[in-house]
Each structure stands twice: as structure tokens, then as C-alpha cells.
Amino acid sequence: MSTPSTASAYGALIEHFHQLTGVPVVLNTSFNDREPIVETPAHALATLQACDLDAVCIGLYLVERS
């Protein structure tokens, strides 16, 4: 569910991505790797460790693989 604050943050993310890449679109897809869609931050971090992702964004935090 979108609220004004999340809509504003998502809009800022899209605009920043556009400035960096020239592409004004961010595609939000399901986040999973050989199992059901990730539903919790802990599950997202476990999936980050288990697959080939470079980073995961959880709310306002960006967690990158070291």
C-alpha cells in the first residue's frame, strides 16, 4: 500500500536512477531465488547471502554484499 511518504521516496528513487542512467524507469519485480517471494527483512538478507545479488534495498537502507 502506498502512502504519500512512500510514494515520494519511490519518486525520488526513480528520478535519481534517471539522472544516473538516463532511464526514467525502475522495474519492481518479485524478489525470490528458487523459493517463495521474500516477505521479511531477515528473509531478504538470507536470500542476499544465498544468491548472486550485489545488494538489497530494505526501506531506506541499502545492504551490499561485501
PDB file of N, CA and C in Angstrom:
ATOM      1  N   MET A   1       0.847  -1.177   0.000  1.00  0.00           N
ATOM      2  CA  MET A   1       0.000   0.000   0.000  1.00  0.00           C
ATOM      3  C   MET A   1       0.889   1.235   0.000  1.00  0.00           C
ATOM      4  N   SER A   2       0.599   2.155  -0.863  1.00  0.00           N
ATOM      5  CA  SER A   2       1.393   3.363  -0.984  1.00  0.00           C
ATOM      6  C   SER A   2       0.821   4.475  -0.110  1.00  0.00           C
ATOM      7  N   THR A   3       1.709   5.167   0.568  1.00  0.00           N
ATOM      8  CA  THR A   3       1.341   6.354   1.334  1.00  0.00           C
ATOM      9  C   THR A   3       2.042   7.541   0.679  1.00  0.00           C
ATOM     10  N   PRO A   4       1.649   8.766   1.014  1.00  0.00           N
ATOM     11  CA  PRO A   4       2.350   9.919   0.417  1.00  0.00           C
ATOM     12  C   PRO A   4       3.864   9.879   0.652  1.00  0.00           C
ATOM     13  N   SER A   5       4.307   9.434   1.817  1.00  0.00           N
ATOM     14  CA  SER A   5       5.749   9.409   2.081  1.00  0.00           C
ATOM     15  C   SER A   5       6.455   8.320   1.270  1.00  0.00           C
ATOM     16  N   THR A   6       5.847   7.139   1.130  1.00  0.00           N
ATOM     17  CA  THR A   6       6.489   6.093   0.333  1.00  0.00           C
ATOM     18  C   THR A   6       6.433   6.442  -1.148  1.00  0.00           C
ATOM     19  N   ALA A   7       5.332   7.063  -1.592  1.00  0.00           N
ATOM     20  CA  ALA A   7       5.237   7.480  -2.989  1.00  0.00           C
ATOM     21  C   ALA A   7       6.305   8.522  -3.298  1.00  0.00           C
ATOM     22  N   SER A   8       6.536   9.445  -2.367  1.00  0.00           N
ATOM     23  CA  SER A   8       7.560  10.478  -2.550  1.00  0.00           C
ATOM     24  C   SER A   8       8.956   9.858  -2.586  1.00  0.00           C
ATOM     25  N   ALA A   9       9.237   8.908  -1.704  1.00  0.00           N
ATOM     26  CA  ALA A   9      10.545   8.246  -1.684  1.00  0.00           C
ATOM     27  C   ALA A   9      10.758   7.444  -2.968  1.00  0.00           C
ATOM     28  N   TYR A  10       9.724   6.770  -3.426  1.00  0.00           N
ATOM     29  CA  TYR A  10       9.844   5.985  -4.661  1.00  0.00           C
ATOM     30  C   TYR A  10      10.046   6.909  -5.856  1.00  0.00           C
ATOM     31  N   GLY A  11       9.338   8.037  -5.875  1.00  0.00           N
ATOM     32  CA  GLY A  11       9.524   9.017  -6.940  1.00  0.00           C
ATOM     33  C   GLY A  11      10.941   9.570  -6.957  1.00  0.00           C
ATOM     34  N   ALA A  12      11.497   9.840  -5.775  1.00  0.00           N
ATOM     35  CA  ALA A  12      12.876  10.335  -5.681  1.00  0.00           C
ATOM     36  C   ALA A  12      13.862   9.271  -6.167  1.00  0.00           C
ATOM     37  N   LEU A  13      13.601   8.014  -5.844  1.00  0.00           N
ATOM     38  CA  LEU A  13      14.455   6.915  -6.311  1.00  0.00           C
ATOM     39  C   LEU A  13      14.453   6.844  -7.838  1.00  0.00           C
ATOM     40  N   ILE A  14      13.268   6.929  -8.430  1.00  0.00           N
ATOM     41  CA  ILE A  14      13.167   6.872  -9.889  1.00  0.00           C
ATOM     42  C   ILE A  14      13.899   8.052 -10.523  1.00  0.00           C
ATOM     43  N   GLU A  15      13.721   9.246  -9.972  1.00  0.00           N
ATOM     44  CA  GLU A  15      14.388  10.423 -10.526  1.00  0.00           C
ATOM     45  C   GLU A  15      15.907  10.305 -10.412  1.00  0.00           C
ATOM     46  N   HIS A  16      16.402   9.826  -9.282  1.00  0.00           N
ATOM     47  CA  HIS A  16      17.852   9.654  -9.105  1.00  0.00           C
ATOM     48  C   HIS A  16      18.395   8.606 -10.087  1.00  0.00           C
ATOM     49  N   PHE A  17      17.679   7.508 -10.237  1.00  0.00           N
ATOM     50  CA  PHE A  17      18.077   6.477 -11.201  1.00  0.00           C
ATOM     51  C   PHE A  17      18.115   7.062 -12.609  1.00  0.00           C
ATOM     52  N   HIS A  18      17.115   7.879 -12.941  1.00  0.00           N
ATOM     53  CA  HIS A  18      17.071   8.520 -14.258  1.00  0.00           C
ATOM     54  C   HIS A  18      18.289   9.421 -14.463  1.00  0.00           C
ATOM     55  N   GLN A  19      18.646  10.205 -13.447  1.00  0.00           N
ATOM     56  CA  GLN A  19      19.815  11.079 -13.551  1.00  0.00           C
ATOM     57  C   GLN A  19      21.100  10.278 -13.749  1.00  0.00           C
ATOM     58  N   LEU A  20      21.215   9.136 -13.073  1.00  0.00           N
ATOM     59  CA  LEU A  20      22.419   8.308 -13.172  1.00  0.00           C
ATOM     60  C   LEU A  20      22.521   7.552 -14.494  1.00  0.00           C
ATOM     61  N   THR A  21      21.388   7.074 -14.996  1.00  0.00           N
ATOM     62  CA  THR A  21      21.421   6.139 -16.125  1.00  0.00           C
ATOM     63  C   THR A  21      20.793   6.656 -17.410  1.00  0.00           C
ATOM     64  N   GLY A  22      19.984   7.714 -17.318  1.00  0.00           N
ATOM     65  CA  GLY A  22      19.234   8.175 -18.486  1.00  0.00           C
ATOM     66  C   GLY A  22      17.971   7.371 -18.727  1.00  0.00           C
ATOM     67  N   VAL A  23      17.690   6.406 -17.866  1.00  0.00           N
ATOM     68  CA  VAL A  23      16.491   5.556 -17.979  1.00  0.00           C
ATOM     69  C   VAL A  23      15.516   5.989 -16.878  1.00  0.00           C
ATOM     70  N   PRO A  24      14.327   6.528 -17.246  1.00  0.00           N
ATOM     71  CA  PRO A  24      13.401   7.047 -16.240  1.00  0.00           C
ATOM     72  C   PRO A  24      12.431   6.011 -15.676  1.00  0.00           C
ATOM     73  N   VAL A  25      12.884   4.775 -15.575  1.00  0.00           N
ATOM     74  CA  VAL A  25      12.003   3.692 -15.129  1.00  0.00           C
ATOM     75  C   VAL A  25      12.760   2.776 -14.170  1.00  0.00           C
ATOM     76  N   VAL A  26      12.095   2.370 -13.099  1.00  0.00           N
ATOM     77  CA  VAL A  26      12.602   1.326 -12.212  1.00  0.00           C
ATOM     78  C   VAL A  26      11.553   0.230 -12.218  1.00  0.00           C
ATOM     79  N   LEU A  27      11.963  -0.984 -12.572  1.00  0.00           N
ATOM     80  CA  LEU A  27      11.039  -2.110 -12.624  1.00  0.00           C
ATOM     81  C   LEU A  27      11.086  -2.850 -11.298  1.00  0.00           C
ATOM     82  N   ASN A  28       9.966  -2.915 -10.626  1.00  0.00           N
ATOM     83  CA  ASN A  28       9.857  -3.604  -9.344  1.00  0.00           C
ATOM     84  C   ASN A  28       9.333  -5.014  -9.623  1.00  0.00           C
ATOM     85  N   THR A  29      10.156  -6.017  -9.422  1.00  0.00           N
ATOM     86  CA  THR A  29       9.751  -7.398  -9.673  1.00  0.00           C
ATOM     87  C   THR A  29       9.728  -8.165  -8.363  1.00  0.00           C
ATOM     88  N   SER A  30       9.238  -9.380  -8.414  1.00  0.00           N
ATOM     89  CA  SER A  30       9.272 -10.207  -7.215  1.00  0.00           C
ATOM     90  C   SER A  30      10.725 -10.499  -6.854  1.00  0.00           C
ATOM     91  N   PHE A  31      10.976 -10.673  -5.596  1.00  0.00           N
ATOM     92  CA  PHE A  31      12.317 -10.913  -5.081  1.00  0.00           C
ATOM     93  C   PHE A  31      12.329 -12.307  -4.481  1.00  0.00           C
ATOM     94  N   ASN A  32      12.881 -13.235  -5.228  1.00  0.00           N
ATOM     95  CA  ASN A  32      12.985 -14.600  -4.736  1.00  0.00           C
ATOM     96  C   ASN A  32      14.086 -15.313  -5.498  1.00  0.00           C
ATOM     97  N   ASP A  33      14.532 -16.423  -4.956  1.00  0.00           N
ATOM     98  CA  ASP A  33      15.568 -17.229  -5.606  1.00  0.00           C
ATOM     99  C   ASP A  33      15.308 -18.687  -5.265  1.00  0.00           C
ATOM    100  N   ARG A  34      14.638 -19.375  -6.180  1.00  0.00           N
ATOM    101  CA  ARG A  34      14.303 -20.797  -6.019  1.00  0.00           C
ATOM    102  C   ARG A  34      13.443 -21.084  -4.783  1.00  0.00           C
ATOM    103  N   GLU A  35      12.691 -20.132  -4.313  1.00  0.00           N
ATOM    104  CA  GLU A  35      11.790 -20.315  -3.181  1.00  0.00           C
ATOM    105  C   GLU A  35      10.716 -19.238  -3.246  1.00  0.00           C
ATOM    106  N   PRO A  36       9.726 -19.256  -2.345  1.00  0.00           N
ATOM    107  CA  PRO A  36       8.660 -18.244  -2.399  1.00  0.00           C
ATOM    108  C   PRO A  36       9.207 -16.820  -2.269  1.00  0.00           C
ATOM    109  N   ILE A  37       8.388 -15.855  -2.649  1.00  0.00           N
ATOM    110  CA  ILE A  37       8.765 -14.443  -2.603  1.00  0.00           C
ATOM    111  C   ILE A  37       9.192 -14.052  -1.188  1.00  0.00           C
ATOM    112  N   VAL A  38      10.254 -13.270  -1.106  1.00  0.00           N
ATOM    113  CA  VAL A  38      10.772 -12.768   0.165  1.00  0.00           C
ATOM    114  C   VAL A  38       9.706 -11.897   0.827  1.00  0.00           C
ATOM    115  N   GLU A  39       9.465 -12.119   2.124  1.00  0.00           N
ATOM    116  CA  GLU A  39       8.418 -11.371   2.818  1.00  0.00           C
ATOM    117  C   GLU A  39       8.911 -10.589   4.027  1.00  0.00           C
ATOM    118  N   THR A  40      10.135 -10.845   4.497  1.00  0.00           N
ATOM    119  CA  THR A  40      10.634 -10.146   5.681  1.00  0.00           C
ATOM    120  C   THR A  40      12.053  -9.641   5.424  1.00  0.00           C
ATOM    121  N   PRO A  41      12.496  -8.640   6.179  1.00  0.00           N
ATOM    122  CA  PRO A  41      13.887  -8.195   6.038  1.00  0.00           C
ATOM    123  C   PRO A  41      14.895  -9.311   6.302  1.00  0.00           C
ATOM    124  N   ALA A  42      14.639 -10.143   7.287  1.00  0.00           N
ATOM    125  CA  ALA A  42      15.558 -11.255   7.582  1.00  0.00           C
ATOM    126  C   ALA A  42      15.643 -12.219   6.401  1.00  0.00           C
ATOM    127  N   HIS A  43      14.510 -12.503   5.791  1.00  0.00           N
ATOM    128  CA  HIS A  43      14.487 -13.385   4.624  1.00  0.00           C
ATOM    129  C   HIS A  43      15.232 -12.732   3.456  1.00  0.00           C
ATOM    130  N   ALA A  44      15.089 -11.413   3.297  1.00  0.00           N
ATOM    131  CA  ALA A  44      15.796 -10.697   2.232  1.00  0.00           C
ATOM    132  C   ALA A  44      17.312 -10.800   2.423  1.00  0.00           C
ATOM    133  N   LEU A  45      17.776 -10.647   3.657  1.00  0.00           N
ATOM    134  CA  LEU A  45      19.213 -10.744   3.919  1.00  0.00           C
ATOM    135  C   LEU A  45      19.719 -12.168   3.698  1.00  0.00           C
ATOM    136  N   ALA A  46      18.935 -13.148   4.086  1.00  0.00           N
ATOM    137  CA  ALA A  46      19.319 -14.543   3.860  1.00  0.00           C
ATOM    138  C   ALA A  46      19.392 -14.837   2.366  1.00  0.00           C
ATOM    139  N   THR A  47      18.449 -14.305   1.601  1.00  0.00           N
ATOM    140  CA  THR A  47      18.460 -14.505   0.154  1.00  0.00           C
ATOM    141  C   THR A  47      19.659 -13.799  -0.470  1.00  0.00           C
ATOM    142  N   LEU A  48      19.995 -12.609   0.004  1.00  0.00           N
ATOM    143  CA  LEU A  48      21.173 -11.888  -0.490  1.00  0.00           C
ATOM    144  C   LEU A  48      22.425 -12.740  -0.310  1.00  0.00           C
ATOM    145  N   GLN A  49      22.553 -13.380   0.838  1.00  0.00           N
ATOM    146  CA  GLN A  49      23.726 -14.218   1.103  1.00  0.00           C
ATOM    147  C   GLN A  49      23.733 -15.476   0.237  1.00  0.00           C
ATOM    148  N   ALA A  50      22.553 -15.988  -0.109  1.00  0.00           N
ATOM    149  CA  ALA A  50      22.452 -17.279  -0.790  1.00  0.00           C
ATOM    150  C   ALA A  50      22.485 -17.191  -2.311  1.00  0.00           C
ATOM    151  N   CYS A  51      22.342 -16.006  -2.878  1.00  0.00           N
ATOM    152  CA  CYS A  51      22.283 -15.919  -4.336  1.00  0.00           C
ATOM    153  C   CYS A  51      23.304 -14.919  -4.864  1.00  0.00           C
ATOM    154  N   ASP A  52      23.210 -14.584  -6.140  1.00  0.00           N
ATOM    155  CA  ASP A  52      24.208 -13.746  -6.801  1.00  0.00           C
ATOM    156  C   ASP A  52      23.864 -12.259  -6.813  1.00  0.00           C
ATOM    157  N   LEU A  53      22.974 -11.808  -5.959  1.00  0.00           N
ATOM    158  CA  LEU A  53      22.656 -10.385  -5.903  1.00  0.00           C
ATOM    159  C   LEU A  53      23.847  -9.604  -5.361  1.00  0.00           C
ATOM    160  N   ASP A  54      23.980  -8.359  -5.795  1.00  0.00           N
ATOM    161  CA  ASP A  54      25.029  -7.482  -5.291  1.00  0.00           C
ATOM    162  C   ASP A  54      24.563  -6.689  -4.076  1.00  0.00           C
ATOM    163  N   ALA A  55      23.263  -6.396  -4.021  1.00  0.00           N
ATOM    164  CA  ALA A  55      22.737  -5.560  -2.946  1.00  0.00           C
ATOM    165  C   ALA A  55      21.237  -5.762  -2.836  1.00  0.00           C
ATOM    166  N   VAL A  56      20.702  -5.334  -1.700  1.00  0.00           N
ATOM    167  CA  VAL A  56      19.257  -5.345  -1.496  1.00  0.00           C
ATOM    168  C   VAL A  56      18.888  -4.045  -0.773  1.00  0.00           C
ATOM    169  N   CYS A  57      17.783  -3.448  -1.191  1.00  0.00           N
ATOM    170  CA  CYS A  57      17.281  -2.233  -0.549  1.00  0.00           C
ATOM    171  C   CYS A  57      16.117  -2.639   0.339  1.00  0.00           C
ATOM    172  N   ILE A  58      16.240  -2.309   1.622  1.00  0.00           N
ATOM    173  CA  ILE A  58      15.183  -2.617   2.591  1.00  0.00           C
ATOM    174  C   ILE A  58      14.760  -1.297   3.213  1.00  0.00           C
ATOM    175  N   GLY A  59      13.601  -0.802   2.831  1.00  0.00           N
ATOM    176  CA  GLY A  59      13.163   0.512   3.306  1.00  0.00           C
ATOM    177  C   GLY A  59      14.144   1.582   2.854  1.00  0.00           C
ATOM    178  N   LEU A  60      14.696   2.322   3.783  1.00  0.00           N
ATOM    179  CA  LEU A  60      15.660   3.364   3.467  1.00  0.00           C
ATOM    180  C   LEU A  60      17.109   2.878   3.485  1.00  0.00           C
ATOM    181  N   TYR A  61      17.309   1.581   3.682  1.00  0.00           N
ATOM    182  CA  TYR A  61      18.669   1.025   3.812  1.00  0.00           C
ATOM    183  C   TYR A  61      19.081   0.255   2.560  1.00  0.00           C
ATOM    184  N   LEU A  62      20.323   0.425   2.157  1.00  0.00           N
ATOM    185  CA  LEU A  62      20.907  -0.355   1.073  1.00  0.00           C
ATOM    186  C   LEU A  62      21.963  -1.262   1.702  1.00  0.00           C
ATOM    187  N   VAL A  63      21.793  -2.569   1.566  1.00  0.00           N
ATOM    188  CA  VAL A  63      22.736  -3.537   2.114  1.00  0.00           C
ATOM    189  C   VAL A  63      23.462  -4.158   0.941  1.00  0.00           C
ATOM    190  N   GLU A  64      24.801  -3.987   0.904  1.00  0.00           N
ATOM    191  CA  GLU A  64      25.602  -4.510  -0.198  1.00  0.00           C
ATOM    192  C   GLU A  64      26.420  -5.699   0.253  1.00  0.00           C
ATOM    193  N   ARG A  65      26.626  -6.591  -0.684  1.00  0.00           N
ATOM    194  CA  ARG A  65      27.488  -7.741  -0.422  1.00  0.00           C
ATOM    195  C   ARG A  65      28.906  -7.230  -0.237  1.00  0.00           C
ATOM    196  N   SER A  66      29.603  -7.754   0.750  1.00  0.00           N
ATOM    197  CA  SER A  66      30.995  -7.285   0.994  1.00  0.00           C
ATOM    198  C   SER A  66      31.972  -8.022   0.116  1.00  0.00           C
TER     199      SER A  66
END
